[in-house]
Protein backbone atom coordinates (compact mmCIF):
# COMPACT_ATOMS: atom_id res chain seq x y z
CA MET A 1 155.23 -65.74 78.56
CA ASN A 2 158.38 -67.32 79.99
CA LEU A 3 161.60 -65.03 79.64
CA THR A 4 163.81 -67.77 78.08
CA ILE A 5 160.81 -68.63 75.72
CA ASP A 6 160.28 -64.85 74.72
CA SER A 7 164.18 -64.38 74.33
CA LEU A 8 164.21 -67.39 72.20
CA VAL A 9 161.20 -66.11 70.02
CA ASN A 10 162.63 -62.76 70.08
CA SER A 11 165.78 -63.96 68.75
CA ILE A 12 164.66 -66.04 66.01
CA TYR A 13 162.37 -63.30 64.86
CA LYS A 14 165.18 -60.64 64.80
CA GLU A 15 167.73 -63.32 63.00
CA LEU A 16 165.05 -64.02 60.44
CA SER A 17 163.72 -60.50 59.88
CA THR A 18 167.36 -59.27 58.81
CA ARG A 19 168.03 -61.45 55.68
CA ARG A 20 166.69 -64.09 53.32
CA VAL A 21 168.49 -67.31 54.69
CA ASN A 22 168.42 -71.11 53.12
CA ARG A 23 168.99 -72.42 56.48
CA PHE A 24 168.73 -71.61 60.32
CA THR A 25 169.75 -74.25 62.59
CA MET A 26 169.60 -74.82 66.27
CA THR A 27 173.10 -74.02 66.38
CA ASP A 28 172.25 -70.81 64.68
CA LEU A 29 169.90 -69.85 67.40
CA MET A 30 172.24 -70.92 70.25
CA LYS A 31 174.70 -68.40 68.87
CA ALA A 32 171.82 -65.76 68.37
CA SER A 33 170.46 -66.26 71.55
CA SER A 34 173.19 -67.11 74.08
CA VAL A 35 171.11 -69.89 75.35
CA SER A 36 172.33 -73.59 75.46
CA ARG A 37 170.91 -76.48 73.23
CA GLY A 38 169.47 -78.19 76.22
CA THR A 39 167.77 -74.92 77.50
CA ILE A 40 166.10 -74.84 74.06
CA TYR A 41 164.94 -78.21 73.68
CA TYR A 42 163.66 -78.22 77.14
CA TYR A 43 161.03 -75.35 75.84
CA PHE A 44 160.73 -76.50 72.28
CA ASN A 45 160.78 -79.70 70.40
CA ASN A 46 162.39 -78.61 67.24
CA ILE A 47 163.52 -75.24 65.34
CA GLU A 48 160.07 -75.21 63.66
CA ASP A 49 158.25 -74.91 66.71
CA ILE A 50 160.21 -71.98 67.58
CA TYR A 51 159.70 -70.55 63.78
CA THR A 52 155.80 -70.99 64.47
CA ALA A 53 156.12 -69.36 68.04
CA ALA A 54 157.72 -66.31 66.59
CA PHE A 55 155.12 -66.17 63.56
CA GLU A 56 152.18 -66.46 65.95
CA LYS A 57 153.58 -63.70 68.28
CA ASN A 58 154.48 -61.34 65.56
CA ILE A 59 152.09 -61.80 62.95
CA LEU A 60 149.16 -64.15 63.93
CA ASN A 61 148.37 -62.81 67.25
CA ARG A 62 148.60 -59.13 66.05
CA ALA A 63 145.82 -59.80 63.41
CA ILE A 64 144.00 -61.80 66.01
CA GLU A 65 143.99 -59.02 68.38
CA GLU A 66 142.88 -56.16 65.97
CA SER A 67 140.25 -57.77 64.23
CA ASP A 68 136.41 -58.05 64.65
CA SER A 69 135.38 -60.14 61.60
CA PHE A 70 136.83 -62.74 59.87
CA THR A 71 137.08 -60.29 56.77
CA SER A 72 139.45 -58.06 58.93
CA PHE A 73 141.49 -60.86 60.34
CA ILE A 74 142.56 -62.32 57.05
CA ASN A 75 143.19 -58.68 55.61
CA LYS A 76 145.47 -57.75 58.89
CA PHE A 77 146.98 -61.38 58.39
CA ILE A 78 148.05 -60.43 54.95
CA SER A 79 149.08 -56.84 55.70
CA TYR A 80 151.38 -58.08 58.74
CA ILE A 81 152.82 -61.10 56.43
CA TYR A 82 153.90 -58.20 53.91
CA GLU A 83 154.94 -55.96 56.72
CA ASN A 84 157.34 -58.71 57.96
CA LYS A 85 158.35 -59.78 54.67
CA THR A 86 161.92 -61.07 55.01
CA PHE A 87 160.87 -62.98 58.21
CA SER A 88 157.52 -64.49 56.56
CA LEU A 89 159.52 -65.73 53.63
CA ASN A 90 162.15 -67.12 55.97
CA PHE A 91 159.50 -68.85 58.09
CA TYR A 92 157.54 -70.17 54.83
CA HIS A 93 160.85 -71.74 52.94
CA LEU A 94 162.03 -72.80 56.62
CA THR A 95 159.10 -75.15 57.33
CA GLU A 96 158.29 -78.14 55.89
CA ILE A 97 155.36 -78.23 53.42
CA LYS A 98 153.26 -80.18 55.52
CA ILE A 99 153.43 -77.87 58.36
CA ARG A 100 152.92 -74.91 56.16
CA LYS A 101 149.65 -76.21 54.92
CA GLU A 102 148.54 -77.59 58.42
CA PHE A 103 149.50 -74.17 60.18
CA LEU A 104 147.18 -72.44 57.46
CA ILE A 105 144.41 -74.37 57.67
CA GLU A 106 144.21 -74.66 61.42
CA ILE A 107 144.39 -70.45 61.74
CA PHE A 108 141.77 -70.02 59.17
CA ASN A 109 139.46 -72.80 60.87
CA ASN A 110 140.11 -71.35 64.42
CA GLN A 111 139.31 -67.69 63.08
CA LEU A 112 135.96 -69.31 61.25
CA LEU A 113 134.85 -70.58 64.78
CA ARG A 114 135.88 -67.51 66.53
CA PHE A 115 133.48 -65.47 64.23
CA LYS A 116 131.06 -68.18 64.66
CA ILE A 117 131.09 -69.25 60.86
CA ASN A 118 129.92 -72.60 61.21
CA ILE A 119 131.98 -75.31 59.50
CA ASN A 120 130.61 -78.77 58.81
CA PRO A 121 131.70 -81.91 56.91
CA LYS A 122 129.56 -80.16 53.73
CA ASN A 123 131.64 -77.07 53.72
CA LEU A 124 135.08 -77.66 55.14
CA TYR A 125 136.59 -76.90 51.89
CA VAL A 126 136.10 -73.18 52.59
CA VAL A 127 139.43 -72.39 54.25
CA SER A 128 141.52 -74.22 51.07
CA GLY A 129 140.81 -71.20 48.87
CA PHE A 130 142.19 -68.67 51.44
CA CYS A 131 145.24 -71.17 52.10
CA PHE A 132 145.33 -71.31 48.23
CA ILE A 133 145.79 -67.80 47.73
CA ILE A 134 148.13 -67.39 50.97
CA ILE A 135 150.62 -69.91 49.35
CA ASN A 136 150.52 -68.77 46.11
CA CYS A 137 151.67 -65.05 47.45
CA PHE A 138 154.44 -67.05 49.27
CA ASP A 139 155.32 -69.05 46.25
CA HIS A 140 155.54 -65.75 44.59
CA ASP A 141 158.09 -64.37 47.16
CA LEU A 142 155.66 -61.87 48.05
CA GLU A 143 156.19 -60.03 45.16
CA LEU A 144 152.38 -60.18 44.03
CA GLU A 145 150.77 -56.52 44.89
CA GLN A 146 149.14 -56.75 48.29
CA GLY A 147 146.15 -54.76 46.88
CA LEU A 148 145.36 -57.71 44.38
CA ILE A 149 145.80 -60.12 47.06
CA ASN A 150 143.20 -58.20 49.02
CA LYS A 151 140.97 -58.21 46.21
CA GLU A 152 141.33 -61.98 45.57
CA ILE A 153 140.22 -62.67 49.29
CA GLU A 154 137.10 -60.24 48.74
CA LEU A 155 135.92 -61.95 45.80
CA TYR A 156 136.41 -65.38 47.42
CA SER A 157 134.79 -64.22 50.48
CA GLN A 158 131.80 -62.71 48.37
CA MET A 159 131.47 -66.09 46.97
CA LEU A 160 131.30 -68.05 50.25
CA ARG A 161 128.77 -65.35 51.38
CA LYS A 162 126.38 -66.52 48.39
CA THR A 163 127.37 -70.37 49.52
CA LEU A 164 127.40 -70.15 52.88
CA LYS A 165 124.24 -68.43 54.99
CA ASN A 166 126.48 -67.60 58.01
CA PHE A 167 129.35 -66.35 56.37
């Protein structure tokens, strides 16, 4: 990864991990990273792209690297979200609703494909259940017990195994 990009991603991760914020702007990132606005915009289109890059690096990619099945991926994904609670909540609340949903759908669809779980037009709905569970966690500020979330994921996965032959 480019050193400037890595520095920006690390800066935003550090800033959004220390405390809950209602707003975090390019100006805030410029102060935290000592990188100019022009340089930030050279690498990123907007602040949400940087939030996403930090989330991918510190949560998503770790879950992907450490999983050998879709079930292990989703459990690790939830685990890393809870381990990085402050950052995850800031990421969730600072991004637009549309971006949040599209991002989660893309994550789960990519992992289903990675583990060769075929999705076709008849069963595209499968990721919506996982998205609903994760969004519900965030909407409750990650105060729901992680074990209960994992149980919900397992129950939903069991239902999918009965419905889809290759799940």
